[in-house]
Protein backbone atom coordinates (compact mmCIF):
# COMPACT_ATOMS: atom_id res chain seq x y z
CA MET A 1 71.11 149.05 47.68
CA GLN A 2 71.55 151.07 51.51
CA LYS A 3 70.27 151.43 54.50
CA LEU A 4 68.05 154.44 54.60
CA LYS A 5 69.53 157.05 56.98
CA PRO A 6 66.97 159.69 58.56
CA SER A 7 68.82 162.61 56.42
CA ASP A 8 68.43 160.87 52.96
CA SER A 9 66.20 162.77 50.99
CA GLY A 10 64.25 163.28 47.67
CA PHE A 11 61.40 161.61 46.04
CA TRP A 12 60.48 158.04 47.20
CA ILE A 13 58.91 155.21 45.29
CA LEU A 14 57.17 152.60 47.33
CA THR A 15 56.11 149.88 45.92
CA GLN A 16 53.71 147.01 46.54
CA ALA A 17 53.55 144.45 43.77
CA SER A 18 52.73 146.86 40.61
CA CYS A 19 51.24 149.81 43.06
CA VAL A 20 53.09 152.76 43.67
CA ALA A 21 52.70 155.15 46.55
CA ILE A 22 51.36 158.33 46.01
CA GLU A 23 50.82 161.72 47.84
CA ALA A 24 49.02 164.48 46.55
CA GLY A 25 49.14 163.43 43.27
CA ASP A 26 52.74 162.96 43.40
CA LEU A 27 55.43 161.07 44.70
CA PRO A 28 56.31 161.36 48.18
CA PHE A 29 59.14 164.01 48.89
CA GLY A 30 61.22 164.50 52.11
CA THR A 31 63.30 163.01 54.51
CA ALA A 32 63.53 159.38 54.84
CA LEU A 33 62.85 160.34 58.78
CA LYS A 34 59.69 162.09 57.50
CA MET A 35 58.55 159.46 55.23
CA GLY A 36 58.99 156.86 58.42
CA ILE A 37 61.45 154.56 55.98
CA CYS A 38 64.52 154.60 58.00
CA GLY A 39 66.45 151.49 58.01
CA LEU A 40 64.83 150.15 55.00
CA LEU A 41 67.04 149.45 51.98
CA GLY A 42 67.03 152.17 49.20
CA LYS A 43 68.81 153.30 46.03
CA LYS A 44 68.98 156.32 44.32
CA ILE A 45 67.72 155.23 40.59
CA GLY A 46 67.56 158.38 38.96
CA MET A 47 66.37 162.65 39.16
CA TRP A 48 63.02 164.18 38.71
CA ASN A 49 62.88 168.28 39.27
CA GLY A 50 66.42 168.23 40.10
CA GLN A 51 65.68 166.31 43.25
CA PRO A 52 66.81 162.34 43.65
CA VAL A 53 64.31 159.66 43.21
CA TRP A 54 64.86 156.71 45.87
CA TRP A 55 63.29 153.36 45.33
CA VAL A 56 62.58 151.73 48.44
CA GLU A 57 62.21 147.51 49.38
CA GLU A 58 58.99 146.86 49.56
CA SER A 59 57.39 147.12 52.90
CA ILE A 60 53.63 146.55 54.52
CA SER A 61 53.42 150.19 55.50
CA GLN A 62 49.94 151.50 55.93
CA ASN A 63 50.82 155.07 55.82
CA PHE A 64 50.88 155.44 52.12
CA ASN A 65 47.87 155.35 49.27
CA TYR A 66 48.90 153.01 46.83
CA VAL A 67 47.74 153.28 43.52
CA SER A 68 48.37 151.20 40.08
CA LEU A 69 50.79 151.83 37.78
CA ARG A 70 48.09 151.59 34.94
CA SER A 71 46.64 154.60 36.40
CA LEU A 72 49.20 156.66 36.27
CA LEU A 73 49.88 156.72 32.61
CA HIS A 74 49.33 160.22 32.55
CA LEU A 75 52.74 161.09 34.13
CA PRO A 76 55.56 162.78 32.00
CA GLU A 77 57.56 159.75 30.42
CA GLN A 78 60.51 160.57 32.13
CA GLN A 79 58.64 160.04 35.45
CA PHE A 80 56.85 156.86 34.42
CA CYS A 81 59.75 155.20 33.39
CA LEU A 82 61.44 155.80 36.42
CA LEU A 83 58.06 154.52 38.24
CA ASN A 84 58.19 151.34 35.96
CA ARG A 85 62.15 151.00 36.89
CA ALA A 86 61.05 150.57 40.48
CA ILE A 87 58.37 148.37 40.12
CA GLY A 88 60.42 146.02 37.86
CA LEU A 89 63.65 145.76 40.36
CA ASN A 90 61.09 145.32 43.09
CA HIS A 91 59.99 141.96 41.41
CA PHE A 92 63.03 141.24 40.16
CA PHE A 93 64.64 141.26 43.94
CA LYS A 94 61.76 139.62 45.62
CA THR A 95 61.95 136.68 42.97
CA HIS A 96 65.78 136.36 43.34
CA GLN A 97 66.89 135.61 46.83
CA PHE A 98 68.68 132.44 46.36
CA CYS A 99 71.06 131.46 43.66
CA GLY A 100 69.15 129.65 40.62
CA LYS A 101 72.53 127.38 40.18
CA CYS A 102 73.79 126.00 43.43
CA GLY A 103 70.61 127.53 46.06
CA ARG A 104 72.65 129.62 47.99
CA LYS A 105 71.59 133.14 49.25
CA VAL A 106 72.27 135.95 46.75
CA GLN A 107 73.43 139.77 47.55
CA PHE A 108 73.29 143.06 45.80
CA VAL A 109 75.85 144.18 43.32
CA LYS A 110 77.49 147.40 43.96
CA ASN A 111 76.80 149.64 40.75
CA GLU A 112 74.49 147.10 38.78
CA TRP A 113 71.40 146.07 38.92
CA ALA A 114 71.89 142.88 39.69
CA VAL A 115 72.53 140.23 42.50
CA GLN A 116 75.68 137.41 42.68
CA CYS A 117 75.79 134.05 44.82
CA VAL A 118 77.42 134.82 48.45
CA ASN A 119 79.13 131.07 47.42
CA GLU A 120 82.44 132.04 46.00
CA SER A 121 82.76 128.34 44.21
CA CYS A 122 79.63 129.49 42.49
CA GLY A 123 79.41 133.34 42.06
CA GLN A 124 76.70 132.96 39.50
CA ARG A 125 75.27 136.90 38.74
CA PHE A 126 71.69 137.28 37.74
CA TYR A 127 70.31 140.83 36.06
CA PRO A 128 66.73 141.88 35.71
CA VAL A 129 65.02 139.87 33.30
CA ILE A 130 63.16 142.14 30.61
CA CYS A 131 60.11 140.30 28.88
CA PRO A 132 60.34 141.83 25.15
CA SER A 133 56.70 141.87 23.70
CA ILE A 134 55.50 143.62 20.45
CA ILE A 135 52.40 145.96 19.68
CA VAL A 136 51.05 146.47 16.26
CA VAL A 137 48.56 148.58 14.18
CA VAL A 138 47.94 147.52 10.63
CA ARG A 139 46.70 150.23 8.13
CA ARG A 140 44.55 149.13 4.88
CA GLY A 141 44.18 152.39 3.03
CA GLN A 142 41.70 154.47 5.18
CA GLU A 143 41.22 151.74 7.45
CA MET A 144 42.89 150.02 10.49
CA LEU A 145 42.56 146.65 12.27
CA LEU A 146 41.61 146.76 15.97
CA VAL A 147 40.79 144.13 18.19
CA ASN A 148 38.89 143.21 20.78
CA HIS A 149 40.85 140.69 23.53
CA LEU A 150 38.98 138.33 25.60
CA ARG A 151 40.45 139.55 28.71
CA HIS A 152 38.54 143.23 27.47
CA LYS A 153 35.70 141.58 26.11
CA GLY A 154 33.11 143.96 24.96
CA GLY A 155 35.42 146.82 25.99
CA ILE A 156 38.46 148.27 24.93
CA TYR A 157 39.55 147.76 21.04
CA THR A 158 43.16 148.02 20.62
CA ALA A 159 46.30 146.76 18.20
CA VAL A 160 47.74 143.13 18.06
CA ALA A 161 50.19 142.45 20.64
CA GLY A 162 52.23 139.70 21.66
CA PHE A 163 55.76 138.38 23.52
CA VAL A 164 58.72 137.64 21.48
CA GLU A 165 59.87 134.35 20.85
CA ILE A 166 63.03 132.99 21.34
CA GLY A 167 65.38 132.84 18.10
CA GLU A 168 63.25 135.57 16.38
CA THR A 169 63.53 139.10 15.49
CA PHE A 170 60.68 142.00 16.42
CA GLU A 171 59.97 141.74 13.04
CA GLN A 172 59.23 138.41 12.89
CA CYS A 173 57.27 138.25 15.98
CA VAL A 174 55.18 140.83 14.44
CA GLN A 175 54.27 138.93 11.46
CA ARG A 176 53.66 135.62 13.20
CA GLU A 177 51.73 137.59 15.73
CA VAL A 178 49.27 139.36 13.33
CA LEU A 179 49.06 136.09 11.52
CA GLU A 180 48.36 133.84 13.96
CA GLU A 181 45.69 136.08 16.04
CA THR A 182 43.95 137.72 12.54
CA GLY A 183 44.62 135.52 10.04
CA ILE A 184 46.01 137.72 7.61
CA LYS A 185 49.93 138.93 6.36
CA ILE A 186 51.37 142.09 6.45
CA LYS A 187 54.17 144.21 5.05
CA ASN A 188 56.51 147.51 5.12
CA ILE A 189 56.82 146.55 8.95
CA ARG A 190 58.59 149.99 10.56
CA TYR A 191 59.56 150.57 14.04
CA PHE A 192 57.42 153.29 15.68
CA GLY A 193 58.41 153.36 19.17
CA SER A 194 58.93 151.74 23.10
CA GLN A 195 57.35 151.58 26.62
CA PRO A 196 58.41 150.36 29.67
CA TRP A 197 55.63 148.42 30.69
CA SER A 198 56.28 146.79 34.40
CA PHE A 199 53.61 144.17 34.72
CA PRO A 200 55.95 142.85 35.94
CA ASN A 201 58.56 143.29 33.76
CA SER A 202 57.72 143.23 30.23
CA GLN A 203 59.24 146.16 27.50
CA MET A 204 56.31 146.87 24.78
CA VAL A 205 57.99 147.82 21.43
CA GLY A 206 55.54 149.40 18.73
CA PHE A 207 55.43 148.91 15.15
CA LEU A 208 53.38 150.23 12.21
CA ALA A 209 52.43 148.06 9.20
CA ASP A 210 50.60 147.82 6.17
CA TYR A 211 47.98 144.99 5.05
CA ASP A 212 49.23 142.32 2.36
CA SER A 213 46.76 139.54 1.90
CA GLY A 214 44.12 137.71 3.41
CA GLU A 215 40.88 137.63 5.49
CA LEU A 216 40.20 138.11 9.29
CA LYS A 217 39.83 135.31 10.83
CA PHE A 218 40.35 135.76 14.70
CA GLN A 219 42.17 133.40 17.44
CA VAL A 220 39.06 132.33 19.25
CA ASP A 221 41.46 131.74 22.61
CA GLU A 222 42.93 135.04 22.17
CA ILE A 223 40.48 137.48 20.43
CA TYR A 224 36.74 138.48 21.05
CA ASP A 225 36.17 140.64 18.07
CA GLY A 226 38.15 142.95 15.54
CA LYS A 227 37.33 144.87 12.71
CA TRP A 228 38.96 147.14 9.95
CA GLN A 229 38.07 150.79 11.52
CA HIS A 230 37.60 153.32 9.13
CA CYS A 231 39.61 156.45 10.02
CA ASP A 232 36.75 158.94 9.46
CA ASP A 233 33.92 156.52 11.66
CA PRO A 234 33.11 156.93 15.20
CA PHE A 235 35.74 154.71 17.54
CA PRO A 236 34.99 152.29 19.91
CA GLU A 237 36.60 152.46 23.30
CA LEU A 238 40.20 152.73 23.16
CA PRO A 239 43.49 152.35 25.25
CA PRO A 240 43.69 155.16 27.73
CA LYS A 241 46.17 158.29 27.09
CA GLY A 242 49.58 157.25 27.85
CA THR A 243 50.15 153.73 26.34
CA ILE A 244 51.91 153.22 23.02
CA ALA A 245 49.06 151.59 21.68
CA LEU A 246 46.71 154.84 21.71
CA GLN A 247 49.86 156.56 20.36
CA LEU A 248 49.69 153.72 17.25
CA ILE A 249 46.53 154.51 16.82
CA GLU A 250 46.69 158.04 16.57
CA ALA A 251 49.42 157.79 14.36
CA THR A 252 47.60 155.82 11.97
CA VAL A 253 44.87 157.98 11.74
CA ALA A 254 47.24 161.23 11.02
CA LEU A 255 48.81 158.82 8.11
CA CYS A 256 45.09 157.90 6.84
CA LYS A 257 44.64 161.66 6.82
CA ILE A 258 47.91 162.87 5.00
CA GLU A 259 46.93 160.19 2.30
CA LYS A 260 43.61 161.61 2.10
CA ILE A 261 44.39 165.21 1.24
CA SER A 262 47.11 164.29 -1.07
CA LYS A 263 44.62 162.22 -3.32
CA GLU A 264 42.52 164.81 -2.83
CA LYS A 265 45.05 167.31 -4.22
CA GLN A 266 45.81 164.91 -6.94
């Protein structure tokens, strides 16, 4: 991190919790002087359209319009990932002002995303915590399992998801979460893709899987409703465009159609 000089220029990621400053539908662009952020701490965290992208420490400036990171899912993946990096770093540095081992102040480490205790006899170094979570769509023939979580009661139907526990693989987590939340067993688990999810520091790891056995019995403190959704039937409200949840659902629909066409040709 460095104090911003008036001549420092590029795109600026200004954050407040999980919100980002947006100007005319894009990240603010220009010099630190123009932005009114001289003297704040900042750091280059990437490039966008040939220009440096700066993350700036959180301030109470009211000169910008802040929007939720969730509302920016439509942005290109590279830009959305940079926003996640900035928000994740902001959360990390706000919550790691003091050493968790000896209680002394910490300072930024050069050339690393880390802080280190100023106490030479301690010297403990801390890195940003990333909390991995899985998300999976289970397919049964021409159907897929969709659930309506309590937090979206009566609204969005999505995939089963949950945090990875210490001492388990991603695949084990997929099996456990599906069994805990829906009561069924699955097979043929395969990796699909991932997405940073800085609310404030998660990483969504997506999987596809096939139904194996069991009857649906939902975890009442997690799931409000759920169903086997036929790929040809009208869908309920789904997660917004840009989410890995919607990508998994769309990929499963595509698999169902491929299998249907294959059977029709036989």
